[in-house]
C-alpha atoms as a PDB file:
ATOM      1  CA  MET A   1     -32.364 -35.511  52.903  1.00  0.00           C
ATOM      2  CA  PRO A   2     -30.323 -36.431  49.808  1.00  0.00           C
ATOM      3  CA  ASP A   3     -28.431 -33.657  48.056  1.00  0.00           C
ATOM      4  CA  TYR A   4     -29.276 -33.166  44.367  1.00  0.00           C
ATOM      5  CA  ALA A   5     -28.271 -30.935  41.484  1.00  0.00           C
ATOM      6  CA  LEU A   6     -30.998 -30.248  38.934  1.00  0.00           C
ATOM      7  CA  VAL A   7     -29.513 -29.453  35.520  1.00  0.00           C
ATOM      8  CA  LEU A   8     -31.316 -26.515  33.912  1.00  0.00           C
ATOM      9  CA  SER A   9     -32.406 -27.223  30.351  1.00  0.00           C
ATOM     10  CA  PRO A  10     -31.388 -24.910  27.486  1.00  0.00           C
ATOM     11  CA  LEU A  11     -35.085 -24.956  26.580  1.00  0.00           C
ATOM     12  CA  ALA A  12     -35.825 -23.245  29.894  1.00  0.00           C
ATOM     13  CA  ARG A  13     -33.274 -20.555  29.094  1.00  0.00           C
ATOM     14  CA  ALA A  14     -34.988 -20.036  25.731  1.00  0.00           C
ATOM     15  CA  ALA A  15     -38.418 -19.814  27.388  1.00  0.00           C
ATOM     16  CA  TYR A  16     -37.625 -17.737  30.482  1.00  0.00           C
ATOM     17  CA  PHE A  17     -34.491 -15.882  29.298  1.00  0.00           C
ATOM     18  CA  ALA A  18     -32.725 -13.823  31.986  1.00  0.00           C
ATOM     19  CA  GLN A  19     -35.113 -15.053  34.674  1.00  0.00           C
ATOM     20  CA  ALA A  20     -34.521 -18.773  33.971  1.00  0.00           C
ATOM     21  CA  ASN A  21     -32.855 -19.445  37.341  1.00  0.00           C
ATOM     22  CA  GLU A  22     -35.517 -17.556  39.288  1.00  0.00           C
ATOM     23  CA  VAL A  23     -38.374 -19.274  37.445  1.00  0.00           C
ATOM     24  CA  ALA A  24     -36.787 -22.694  38.003  1.00  0.00           C
ATOM     25  CA  GLN A  25     -36.509 -22.066  41.731  1.00  0.00           C
ATOM     26  CA  ALA A  26     -40.091 -20.774  41.962  1.00  0.00           C
ATOM     27  CA  GLU A  27     -41.432 -23.797  40.054  1.00  0.00           C
ATOM     28  CA  VAL A  28     -39.596 -26.264  42.297  1.00  0.00           C
ATOM     29  CA  ALA A  29     -40.716 -24.400  45.436  1.00  0.00           C
ATOM     30  CA  ALA A  30     -44.354 -24.522  44.301  1.00  0.00           C
ATOM     31  CA  CYS A  31     -44.384 -28.106  43.015  1.00  0.00           C
ATOM     32  CA  VAL A  32     -41.974 -29.811  45.442  1.00  0.00           C
ATOM     33  CA  PRO A  33     -42.492 -27.824  48.665  1.00  0.00           C
ATOM     34  CA  GLU A  34     -40.562 -30.432  50.679  1.00  0.00           C
ATOM     35  CA  ALA A  35     -37.370 -29.498  48.790  1.00  0.00           C
ATOM     36  CA  GLU A  36     -34.839 -27.110  50.316  1.00  0.00           C
ATOM     37  CA  ILE A  37     -33.376 -24.937  47.563  1.00  0.00           C
ATOM     38  CA  ARG A  38     -29.765 -23.820  47.988  1.00  0.00           C
ATOM     39  CA  GLY A  39     -29.456 -21.753  44.831  1.00  0.00           C
ATOM     40  CA  ALA A  40     -28.008 -21.931  41.328  1.00  0.00           C
ATOM     41  CA  GLU A  41     -24.395 -22.512  40.291  1.00  0.00           C
ATOM     42  CA  ARG A  42     -22.327 -23.766  37.358  1.00  0.00           C
ATOM     43  CA  PHE A  43     -20.816 -27.242  37.166  1.00  0.00           C
ATOM     44  CA  GLY A  44     -18.726 -28.415  34.233  1.00  0.00           C
ATOM     45  CA  GLY A  45     -20.269 -25.789  31.983  1.00  0.00           C
ATOM     46  CA  LEU A  46     -23.823 -26.705  33.070  1.00  0.00           C
ATOM     47  CA  GLU A  47     -26.231 -24.476  34.974  1.00  0.00           C
ATOM     48  CA  VAL A  48     -27.557 -26.404  37.958  1.00  0.00           C
ATOM     49  CA  LEU A  49     -29.968 -25.787  40.796  1.00  0.00           C
ATOM     50  CA  ARG A  50     -28.674 -27.184  44.101  1.00  0.00           C
ATOM     51  CA  LEU A  51     -31.290 -28.589  46.477  1.00  0.00           C
ATOM     52  CA  THR A  52     -32.047 -31.267  49.016  1.00  0.00           C
ATOM     53  CA  ALA A  53     -35.234 -33.301  48.751  1.00  0.00           C
ATOM     54  CA  PRO A  54     -36.695 -36.653  49.784  1.00  0.00           C
ATOM     55  CA  GLU A  55     -35.869 -39.465  47.377  1.00  0.00           C
ATOM     56  CA  GLU A  56     -39.563 -40.008  46.653  1.00  0.00           C
ATOM     57  CA  SER A  57     -39.755 -36.508  45.160  1.00  0.00           C
ATOM     58  CA  LEU A  58     -37.434 -37.440  42.261  1.00  0.00           C
ATOM     59  CA  PRO A  59     -40.273 -38.149  39.783  1.00  0.00           C
ATOM     60  CA  LYS A  60     -41.688 -34.654  40.415  1.00  0.00           C
ATOM     61  CA  LEU A  61     -38.271 -33.047  40.043  1.00  0.00           C
ATOM     62  CA  ALA A  62     -37.751 -34.893  36.753  1.00  0.00           C
ATOM     63  CA  ARG A  63     -40.986 -33.357  35.473  1.00  0.00           C
ATOM     64  CA  MET A  64     -40.043 -29.751  36.196  1.00  0.00           C
ATOM     65  CA  SER A  65     -40.179 -27.692  33.015  1.00  0.00           C
ATOM     66  CA  SER A  66     -36.647 -26.438  33.682  1.00  0.00           C
ATOM     67  CA  ALA A  67     -35.138 -29.887  34.253  1.00  0.00           C
ATOM     68  CA  GLN A  68     -32.756 -31.518  31.782  1.00  0.00           C
ATOM     69  CA  GLY A  69     -31.397 -34.065  34.246  1.00  0.00           C
ATOM     70  CA  LEU A  70     -30.483 -34.730  37.874  1.00  0.00           C
ATOM     71  CA  PHE A  71     -27.247 -35.476  39.738  1.00  0.00           C
ATOM     72  CA  ASP A  72     -26.928 -37.206  43.094  1.00  0.00           C
ATOM     73  CA  VAL A  73     -24.360 -35.145  45.010  1.00  0.00           C
ATOM     74  CA  THR A  74     -22.289 -37.155  47.490  1.00  0.00           C
ATOM     75  CA  GLN A  75     -18.950 -36.792  49.256  1.00  0.00           C
ATOM     76  CA  THR A  76     -17.323 -38.877  46.530  1.00  0.00           C
ATOM     77  CA  GLY A  77     -18.660 -36.789  43.632  1.00  0.00           C
ATOM     78  CA  TRP A  78     -21.627 -36.079  41.408  1.00  0.00           C
ATOM     79  CA  GLN A  79     -23.405 -39.095  39.905  1.00  0.00           C
ATOM     80  CA  PRO A  80     -26.032 -38.717  37.143  1.00  0.00           C
ATOM     81  CA  LEU A  81     -29.414 -40.203  38.078  1.00  0.00           C
ATOM     82  CA  ASP A  82     -31.563 -42.255  35.740  1.00  0.00           C
ATOM     83  CA  SER A  83     -34.592 -40.056  36.444  1.00  0.00           C
ATOM     84  CA  ASP A  84     -37.323 -40.987  33.989  1.00  0.00           C
ATOM     85  CA  PRO A  85     -40.293 -38.567  34.067  1.00  0.00           C
ATOM     86  CA  GLY A  86     -42.491 -41.364  32.737  1.00  0.00           C
ATOM     87  CA  PHE A  87     -44.185 -39.389  29.998  1.00  0.00           C
ATOM     88  CA  ALA A  88     -46.478 -41.093  27.505  1.00  0.00           C
ATOM     89  CA  LEU A  89     -46.049 -40.322  23.781  1.00  0.00           C
ATOM     90  CA  HIS A  90     -42.942 -39.242  21.914  1.00  0.00           C
ATOM     91  CA  PRO A  91     -41.894 -35.603  22.543  1.00  0.00           C
ATOM     92  CA  ASP A  92     -42.486 -34.813  18.854  1.00  0.00           C
ATOM     93  CA  PHE A  93     -46.204 -34.734  19.640  1.00  0.00           C
ATOM     94  CA  VAL A  94     -45.514 -31.591  21.687  1.00  0.00           C
ATOM     95  CA  TRP A  95     -42.442 -30.043  20.089  1.00  0.00           C
ATOM     96  CA  GLY A  96     -42.687 -31.319  16.528  1.00  0.00           C
ATOM     97  CA  GLU A  97     -45.187 -28.863  15.082  1.00  0.00           C
ATOM     98  CA  LYS A  98     -43.896 -25.340  14.347  1.00  0.00           C
ATOM     99  CA  TYR A  99     -46.220 -22.474  13.485  1.00  0.00           C
ATOM    100  CA  ARG A 100     -46.662 -18.798  14.184  1.00  0.00           C
ATOM    101  CA  GLY A 101     -48.196 -18.010  17.540  1.00  0.00           C
ATOM    102  CA  LYS A 102     -47.554 -21.455  19.052  1.00  0.00           C
ATOM    103  CA  THR A 103     -47.589 -21.538  22.838  1.00  0.00           C
ATOM    104  CA  ASN A 104     -44.117 -22.142  24.225  1.00  0.00           C
ATOM    105  CA  GLU A 105     -43.900 -25.852  25.037  1.00  0.00           C
ATOM    106  CA  THR A 106     -41.713 -25.380  28.114  1.00  0.00           C
ATOM    107  CA  LEU A 107     -44.058 -22.739  29.514  1.00  0.00           C
ATOM    108  CA  THR A 108     -47.050 -25.019  28.927  1.00  0.00           C
ATOM    109  CA  GLN A 109     -45.407 -27.786  30.930  1.00  0.00           C
ATOM    110  CA  MET A 110     -44.808 -25.390  33.807  1.00  0.00           C
ATOM    111  CA  LEU A 111     -48.460 -24.286  33.752  1.00  0.00           C
ATOM    112  CA  ILE A 112     -49.576 -27.908  34.103  1.00  0.00           C
ATOM    113  CA  ASN A 113     -47.067 -28.499  36.910  1.00  0.00           C
ATOM    114  CA  LEU A 114     -48.326 -25.468  38.821  1.00  0.00           C
ATOM    115  CA  GLY A 115     -51.924 -26.575  38.344  1.00  0.00           C
ATOM    116  CA  LEU A 116     -51.199 -30.076  39.631  1.00  0.00           C
ATOM    117  CA  ALA A 117     -49.400 -28.607  42.645  1.00  0.00           C
ATOM    118  CA  VAL A 118     -52.433 -26.512  43.603  1.00  0.00           C
ATOM    119  CA  CYS A 119     -55.202 -28.939  42.639  1.00  0.00           C
ATOM    120  CA  THR A 120     -56.606 -30.890  45.592  1.00  0.00           C
ATOM    121  CA  VAL A 121     -58.703 -33.267  43.478  1.00  0.00           C
ATOM    122  CA  GLU A 122     -57.519 -36.815  44.088  1.00  0.00           C
ATOM    123  CA  ALA A 123     -55.656 -38.073  40.985  1.00  0.00           C
ATOM    124  CA  PRO A 124     -56.547 -35.197  38.596  1.00  0.00           C
ATOM    125  CA  ALA A 125     -57.685 -36.730  35.338  1.00  0.00           C
ATOM    126  CA  ARG A 126     -59.352 -34.081  33.177  1.00  0.00           C
ATOM    127  CA  LEU A 127     -57.747 -30.946  31.733  1.00  0.00           C
ATOM    128  CA  LEU A 128     -59.371 -28.128  29.757  1.00  0.00           C
ATOM    129  CA  ASP A 129     -57.729 -25.455  27.607  1.00  0.00           C
ATOM    130  CA  PRO A 130     -60.429 -22.931  26.630  1.00  0.00           C
ATOM    131  CA  MET A 131     -58.121 -21.248  24.077  1.00  0.00           C
ATOM    132  CA  CYS A 132     -56.253 -24.273  22.798  1.00  0.00           C
ATOM    133  CA  GLY A 133     -54.881 -23.063  19.455  1.00  0.00           C
ATOM    134  CA  ARG A 134     -53.356 -26.094  17.710  1.00  0.00           C
ATOM    135  CA  GLY A 135     -53.361 -28.322  20.779  1.00  0.00           C
ATOM    136  CA  THR A 136     -49.998 -27.961  22.548  1.00  0.00           C
ATOM    137  CA  THR A 137     -51.628 -28.150  25.980  1.00  0.00           C
ATOM    138  CA  LEU A 138     -53.793 -31.085  24.918  1.00  0.00           C
ATOM    139  CA  MET A 139     -50.740 -33.093  23.898  1.00  0.00           C
ATOM    140  CA  TRP A 140     -48.942 -32.269  27.135  1.00  0.00           C
ATOM    141  CA  ALA A 141     -51.989 -33.513  29.057  1.00  0.00           C
ATOM    142  CA  LEU A 142     -51.832 -36.840  27.216  1.00  0.00           C
ATOM    143  CA  ARG A 143     -48.125 -37.126  28.023  1.00  0.00           C
ATOM    144  CA  TYR A 144     -49.034 -36.622  31.699  1.00  0.00           C
ATOM    145  CA  GLY A 145     -51.668 -39.371  31.471  1.00  0.00           C
ATOM    146  CA  MET A 146     -54.700 -37.076  31.580  1.00  0.00           C
ATOM    147  CA  SER A 147     -57.615 -36.740  29.205  1.00  0.00           C
ATOM    148  CA  ALA A 148     -57.988 -33.262  27.729  1.00  0.00           C
ATOM    149  CA  THR A 149     -60.455 -31.013  25.953  1.00  0.00           C
ATOM    150  CA  GLY A 150     -59.647 -27.834  24.097  1.00  0.00           C
ATOM    151  CA  VAL A 151     -61.929 -25.148  22.697  1.00  0.00           C
ATOM    152  CA  GLU A 152     -60.747 -22.977  19.802  1.00  0.00           C
ATOM    153  CA  ARG A 153     -62.545 -20.259  17.810  1.00  0.00           C
ATOM    154  CA  ASP A 154     -60.507 -20.841  14.652  1.00  0.00           C
ATOM    155  CA  ALA A 155     -62.473 -23.392  12.622  1.00  0.00           C
ATOM    156  CA  GLN A 156     -59.286 -24.381  10.754  1.00  0.00           C
ATOM    157  CA  ALA A 157     -57.490 -25.512  13.915  1.00  0.00           C
ATOM    158  CA  PRO A 158     -58.853 -29.102  14.043  1.00  0.00           C
ATOM    159  CA  ALA A 159     -57.787 -29.796  10.442  1.00  0.00           C
ATOM    160  CA  GLU A 160     -54.266 -28.525  11.151  1.00  0.00           C
ATOM    161  CA  TRP A 161     -54.135 -30.523  14.372  1.00  0.00           C
ATOM    162  CA  ARG A 162     -55.230 -33.635  12.457  1.00  0.00           C
ATOM    163  CA  ARG A 163     -52.448 -33.179   9.884  1.00  0.00           C
ATOM    164  CA  GLY A 164     -49.829 -33.028  12.608  1.00  0.00           C
ATOM    165  CA  LEU A 165     -51.257 -36.016  14.445  1.00  0.00           C
ATOM    166  CA  LYS A 166     -51.276 -38.146  11.304  1.00  0.00           C
ATOM    167  CA  LYS A 167     -47.647 -37.250  10.637  1.00  0.00           C
ATOM    168  CA  TRP A 168     -46.323 -38.072  14.100  1.00  0.00           C
ATOM    169  CA  THR A 169     -48.414 -41.203  14.651  1.00  0.00           C
ATOM    170  CA  LYS A 170     -47.130 -42.587  11.350  1.00  0.00           C
ATOM    171  CA  LEU A 171     -43.513 -41.630  12.026  1.00  0.00           C
ATOM    172  CA  HIS A 172     -43.486 -43.119  15.536  1.00  0.00           C
ATOM    173  CA  ARG A 173     -45.893 -45.989  14.786  1.00  0.00           C
ATOM    174  CA  GLN A 174     -48.149 -44.826  17.561  1.00  0.00           C
ATOM    175  CA  LYS A 175     -51.425 -46.710  17.949  1.00  0.00           C
ATOM    176  CA  HIS A 176     -54.348 -44.290  17.976  1.00  0.00           C
ATOM    177  CA  LYS A 177     -57.847 -43.537  16.785  1.00  0.00           C
ATOM    178  CA  LEU A 178     -59.173 -40.330  15.226  1.00  0.00           C
ATOM    179  CA  SER A 179     -62.893 -39.615  15.209  1.00  0.00           C
ATOM    180  CA  GLU A 180     -65.115 -36.587  14.789  1.00  0.00           C
ATOM    181  CA  GLY A 181     -68.661 -35.437  15.386  1.00  0.00           C
ATOM    182  CA  TRP A 182     -70.788 -32.681  16.918  1.00  0.00           C
ATOM    183  CA  VAL A 183     -71.473 -31.785  20.539  1.00  0.00           C
ATOM    184  CA  GLN A 184     -74.610 -30.016  19.338  1.00  0.00           C
ATOM    185  CA  LYS A 185     -76.641 -29.700  16.163  1.00  0.00           C
ATOM    186  CA  ALA A 186     -74.515 -29.421  13.004  1.00  0.00           C
ATOM    187  CA  ASN A 187     -74.291 -25.920  11.539  1.00  0.00           C
ATOM    188  CA  ARG A 188     -72.500 -24.082   8.739  1.00  0.00           C
ATOM    189  CA  GLN A 189     -70.303 -22.137  11.148  1.00  0.00           C
ATOM    190  CA  GLY A 190     -68.851 -25.368  12.510  1.00  0.00           C
ATOM    191  CA  VAL A 191     -69.563 -24.394  16.123  1.00  0.00           C
ATOM    192  CA  GLY A 192     -69.637 -27.513  18.271  1.00  0.00           C
ATOM    193  CA  ARG A 193     -67.776 -29.731  15.851  1.00  0.00           C
ATOM    194  CA  PHE A 194     -65.114 -31.868  17.528  1.00  0.00           C
ATOM    195  CA  LEU A 195     -62.101 -33.983  16.679  1.00  0.00           C
ATOM    196  CA  ASP A 196     -61.033 -36.743  19.090  1.00  0.00           C
ATOM    197  CA  PHE A 197     -57.549 -38.240  19.307  1.00  0.00           C
ATOM    198  CA  ALA A 198     -57.550 -41.432  21.369  1.00  0.00           C
ATOM    199  CA  CYS A 199     -54.065 -42.566  22.350  1.00  0.00           C
ATOM    200  CA  ALA A 200     -52.067 -43.996  25.270  1.00  0.00           C
ATOM    201  CA  GLY A 201     -55.242 -44.809  27.172  1.00  0.00           C
ATOM    202  CA  GLN A 202     -56.608 -41.240  27.091  1.00  0.00           C
ATOM    203  CA  VAL A 203     -58.573 -39.001  24.728  1.00  0.00           C
ATOM    204  CA  ALA A 204     -57.817 -35.441  23.641  1.00  0.00           C
ATOM    205  CA  ARG A 205     -60.734 -33.556  22.104  1.00  0.00           C
ATOM    206  CA  MET A 206     -60.679 -30.256  20.198  1.00  0.00           C
ATOM    207  CA  VAL A 207     -64.021 -28.447  19.926  1.00  0.00           C
ATOM    208  CA  THR A 208     -64.705 -25.507  17.639  1.00  0.00           C
ATOM    209  CA  GLY A 209     -66.316 -22.674  19.574  1.00  0.00           C
ATOM    210  CA  ASP A 210     -65.893 -19.634  21.785  1.00  0.00           C
ATOM    211  CA  SER A 211     -64.316 -19.835  25.239  1.00  0.00           C
ATOM    212  CA  ALA A 212     -67.213 -17.738  26.560  1.00  0.00           C
ATOM    213  CA  ASP A 213     -69.625 -20.593  25.736  1.00  0.00           C
ATOM    214  CA  LEU A 214     -67.947 -23.456  27.607  1.00  0.00           C
ATOM    215  CA  PRO A 215     -70.993 -24.728  29.557  1.00  0.00           C
ATOM    216  CA  LYS A 216     -72.992 -24.988  26.308  1.00  0.00           C
ATOM    217  CA  LEU A 217     -70.180 -26.730  24.459  1.00  0.00           C
ATOM    218  CA  LEU A 218     -68.874 -29.060  27.147  1.00  0.00           C
ATOM    219  CA  GLY A 219     -71.822 -30.186  29.252  1.00  0.00           C
ATOM    220  CA  ARG A 220     -71.872 -30.634  33.005  1.00  0.00           C
ATOM    221  CA  LYS A 221     -68.951 -32.973  33.716  1.00  0.00           C
ATOM    222  CA  PRO A 222     -66.313 -30.751  35.362  1.00  0.00           C
ATOM    223  CA  PHE A 223     -62.581 -30.489  34.722  1.00  0.00           C
ATOM    224  CA  ASP A 224     -59.881 -30.734  37.366  1.00  0.00           C
ATOM    225  CA  LEU A 225     -57.453 -28.334  35.661  1.00  0.00           C
ATOM    226  CA  ILE A 226     -58.062 -25.382  33.365  1.00  0.00           C
ATOM    227  CA  VAL A 227     -54.805 -24.301  31.729  1.00  0.00           C
ATOM    228  CA  SER A 228     -54.409 -21.665  29.033  1.00  0.00           C
ATOM    229  CA  ASP A 229     -51.962 -19.189  27.537  1.00  0.00           C
ATOM    230  CA  LEU A 230     -53.881 -16.008  26.704  1.00  0.00           C
ATOM    231  CA  PRO A 231     -53.254 -14.277  23.367  1.00  0.00           C
ATOM    232  CA  TYR A 232     -50.717 -11.523  23.937  1.00  0.00           C
ATOM    233  CA  GLY A 233     -52.924  -8.777  22.548  1.00  0.00           C
ATOM    234  CA  VAL A 234     -51.459  -8.178  19.089  1.00  0.00           C
ATOM    235  CA  GLN A 235     -54.070 -10.064  17.092  1.00  0.00           C
ATOM    236  CA  HIS A 236     -56.816  -8.872  19.417  1.00  0.00           C
ATOM    237  CA  MET A 237     -56.332  -5.135  18.941  1.00  0.00           C
ATOM    238  CA  GLY A 238     -58.456  -3.146  16.522  1.00  0.00           C
ATOM    239  CA  GLY A 239     -61.167  -4.240  14.147  1.00  0.00           C
ATOM    240  CA  ALA A 240     -64.893  -4.557  14.697  1.00  0.00           C
ATOM    241  CA  ASP A 241     -64.752  -8.261  15.531  1.00  0.00           C
ATOM    242  CA  SER A 242     -61.682  -8.193  17.734  1.00  0.00           C
ATOM    243  CA  ARG A 243     -61.510  -8.304  21.524  1.00  0.00           C
ATOM    244  CA  SER A 244     -58.721  -7.624  23.983  1.00  0.00           C
ATOM    245  CA  PRO A 245     -57.604 -10.525  26.173  1.00  0.00           C
ATOM    246  CA  LEU A 246     -59.133  -8.726  29.169  1.00  0.00           C
ATOM    247  CA  ALA A 247     -62.521  -8.311  27.482  1.00  0.00           C
ATOM    248  CA  THR A 248     -62.392 -11.973  26.503  1.00  0.00           C
ATOM    249  CA  MET A 249     -61.726 -13.048  30.088  1.00  0.00           C
ATOM    250  CA  GLU A 250     -64.414 -10.786  31.509  1.00  0.00           C
ATOM    251  CA  ALA A 251     -66.915 -12.465  29.195  1.00  0.00           C
ATOM    252  CA  ALA A 252     -65.619 -15.987  29.795  1.00  0.00           C
ATOM    253  CA  ALA A 253     -64.560 -16.159  33.469  1.00  0.00           C
ATOM    254  CA  ARG A 254     -67.906 -17.248  34.916  1.00  0.00           C
ATOM    255  CA  GLY A 255     -68.209 -20.077  32.390  1.00  0.00           C
ATOM    256  CA  TRP A 256     -64.644 -21.227  33.068  1.00  0.00           C
ATOM    257  CA  VAL A 257     -65.307 -21.444  36.799  1.00  0.00           C
ATOM    258  CA  ALA A 258     -68.587 -23.298  36.186  1.00  0.00           C
ATOM    259  CA  CYS A 259     -66.577 -25.993  34.368  1.00  0.00           C
ATOM    260  CA  LEU A 260     -64.057 -26.408  37.203  1.00  0.00           C
ATOM    261  CA  SER A 261     -64.262 -29.185  39.786  1.00  0.00           C
ATOM    262  CA  PRO A 262     -64.267 -28.262  43.490  1.00  0.00           C
ATOM    263  CA  GLY A 263     -60.616 -28.531  44.485  1.00  0.00           C
ATOM    264  CA  GLY A 264     -59.525 -27.793  40.920  1.00  0.00           C
ATOM    265  CA  ALA A 265     -57.168 -25.101  39.652  1.00  0.00           C
ATOM    266  CA  ILE A 266     -57.054 -22.499  36.883  1.00  0.00           C
ATOM    267  CA  VAL A 267     -53.620 -21.527  35.562  1.00  0.00           C
ATOM    268  CA  ILE A 268     -53.328 -18.685  33.036  1.00  0.00           C
ATOM    269  CA  ALA A 269     -50.229 -17.292  31.340  1.00  0.00           C
ATOM    270  CA  PHE A 270     -50.642 -13.709  30.129  1.00  0.00           C
ATOM    271  CA  ASN A 271     -48.882 -10.583  28.947  1.00  0.00           C
ATOM    272  CA  ALA A 272     -48.564  -8.534  32.145  1.00  0.00           C
ATOM    273  CA  ASN A 273     -48.934  -5.327  30.129  1.00  0.00           C
ATOM    274  CA  ILE A 274     -52.251  -6.332  28.511  1.00  0.00           C
ATOM    275  CA  PRO A 275     -54.035  -7.052  30.827  1.00  0.00           C
ATOM    276  CA  LYS A 276     -52.599  -5.932  34.134  1.00  0.00           C
ATOM    277  CA  ARG A 277     -52.566  -8.632  36.786  1.00  0.00           C
ATOM    278  CA  ALA A 278     -55.096  -6.812  38.981  1.00  0.00           C
ATOM    279  CA  GLU A 279     -57.453  -6.439  36.014  1.00  0.00           C
ATOM    280  CA  LEU A 280     -57.249 -10.131  35.152  1.00  0.00           C
ATOM    281  CA  LEU A 281     -57.793 -11.110  38.769  1.00  0.00           C
ATOM    282  CA  ALA A 282     -60.816  -8.777  38.926  1.00  0.00           C
ATOM    283  CA  ALA A 283     -62.453 -10.737  36.087  1.00  0.00           C
ATOM    284  CA  PHE A 284     -62.731 -13.686  38.520  1.00  0.00           C
ATOM    285  CA  GLU A 285     -63.824 -11.607  41.515  1.00  0.00           C
ATOM    286  CA  GLY A 286     -66.822 -13.004  43.378  1.00  0.00           C
ATOM    287  CA  LEU A 287     -66.595 -16.432  41.707  1.00  0.00           C
ATOM    288  CA  GLY A 288     -65.313 -18.298  44.755  1.00  0.00           C
ATOM    289  CA  LEU A 289     -61.657 -18.708  43.768  1.00  0.00           C
ATOM    290  CA  GLU A 290     -58.492 -18.173  45.794  1.00  0.00           C
ATOM    291  CA  GLU A 291     -55.310 -16.734  44.276  1.00  0.00           C
ATOM    292  CA  VAL A 292     -52.135 -18.748  44.845  1.00  0.00           C
ATOM    293  CA  PRO A 293     -49.114 -16.443  44.355  1.00  0.00           C
ATOM    294  CA  VAL A 294     -46.259 -17.985  42.349  1.00  0.00           C
ATOM    295  CA  PRO A 295     -43.340 -15.651  41.424  1.00  0.00           C
ATOM    296  CA  VAL A 296     -42.633 -16.852  37.884  1.00  0.00           C
ATOM    297  CA  ALA A 297     -42.946 -13.579  35.927  1.00  0.00           C
ATOM    298  CA  HIS A 298     -40.294 -13.294  33.203  1.00  0.00           C
ATOM    299  CA  ARG A 299     -39.579 -11.208  30.132  1.00  0.00           C
ATOM    300  CA  MET A 300     -40.197 -13.129  26.905  1.00  0.00           C
ATOM    301  CA  SER A 301     -39.376 -10.206  24.592  1.00  0.00           C
ATOM    302  CA  GLU A 302     -38.543  -6.509  24.704  1.00  0.00           C
ATOM    303  CA  SER A 303     -42.237  -5.631  24.777  1.00  0.00           C
ATOM    304  CA  ILE A 304     -43.822  -8.536  26.680  1.00  0.00           C
ATOM    305  CA  LEU A 305     -43.450  -9.380  30.349  1.00  0.00           C
ATOM    306  CA  ARG A 306     -45.120 -12.757  30.782  1.00  0.00           C
ATOM    307  CA  ASP A 307     -46.747 -13.660  34.077  1.00  0.00           C
ATOM    308  CA  VAL A 308     -48.869 -16.520  35.416  1.00  0.00           C
ATOM    309  CA  LEU A 309     -52.079 -16.350  37.458  1.00  0.00           C
ATOM    310  CA  VAL A 310     -52.892 -19.415  39.583  1.00  0.00           C
ATOM    311  CA  LEU A 311     -56.375 -19.777  41.086  1.00  0.00           C
ATOM    312  CA  HIS A 312     -57.780 -22.540  43.285  1.00  0.00           C
ATOM    313  CA  LYS A 313     -61.436 -23.511  43.757  1.00  0.00           C
ATOM    314  CA  PRO A 314     -61.920 -24.718  47.338  1.00  0.00           C
ATOM    315  CA  ALA A 315     -63.488 -28.152  47.676  1.00  0.00           C
END
């Protein structure tokens, strides 16, 4: 097999910190199992992951969250490859918006990659983020050529998402259509109100509501991937109306699984301290899912060890 060097992106170092090399290797191993990983080294000041892989795996390697570029390693030297990941939409649609509590964009890409690697649905086409915030995962799904739906409790999220979309579509002259409506009867609380962003041949929808009420909000058509980054516990601690991430998942897990296609995958990023991995896994116990271990745990701050749970629903 050809010999390649995958250049590790500085964005991956910012997302995964001291574990960037380990996470990169685990992601490649999970998503491109035909690759043979030789390890990490430095080349001309760049951090690279050395590996061999079939030539047809290059598009997958180019889409790794840790990848900045690829070299073809031969006896005569290292030659940069024109490896286009083929994403739709300008990257500003993912990285352009900055706000407190935003899901890390590099992490989100890895979650989608892991889900696609596990999903056995032919040509996965529908993604759901039950805690979508301001839509980072939805925009990544569009870049991957999938339709997407997000559910968010914060009734202000669709308006903020709309403002960002209007800015970037105007700046990049991106053809699109925005529309809104209700998935159920209109109400003062705004529950069930949606905003659709149609672009690049797909539609991303944000629905106002609770992740515990997915079947009521989303109907019966299932999703191939469910991808979400759980709140890390700070804003969910204390107060009469607050819930811990674990309590939220215990209330929502059955509904999430009901929305998942046979052969589909659930991928969840979480603070390994709140909840513990075993506790989060227990929330899905008895719901017919299989855990797929992927060693991508990494410290994102002094107080938070971030981990990822990958679950597969047999066809």
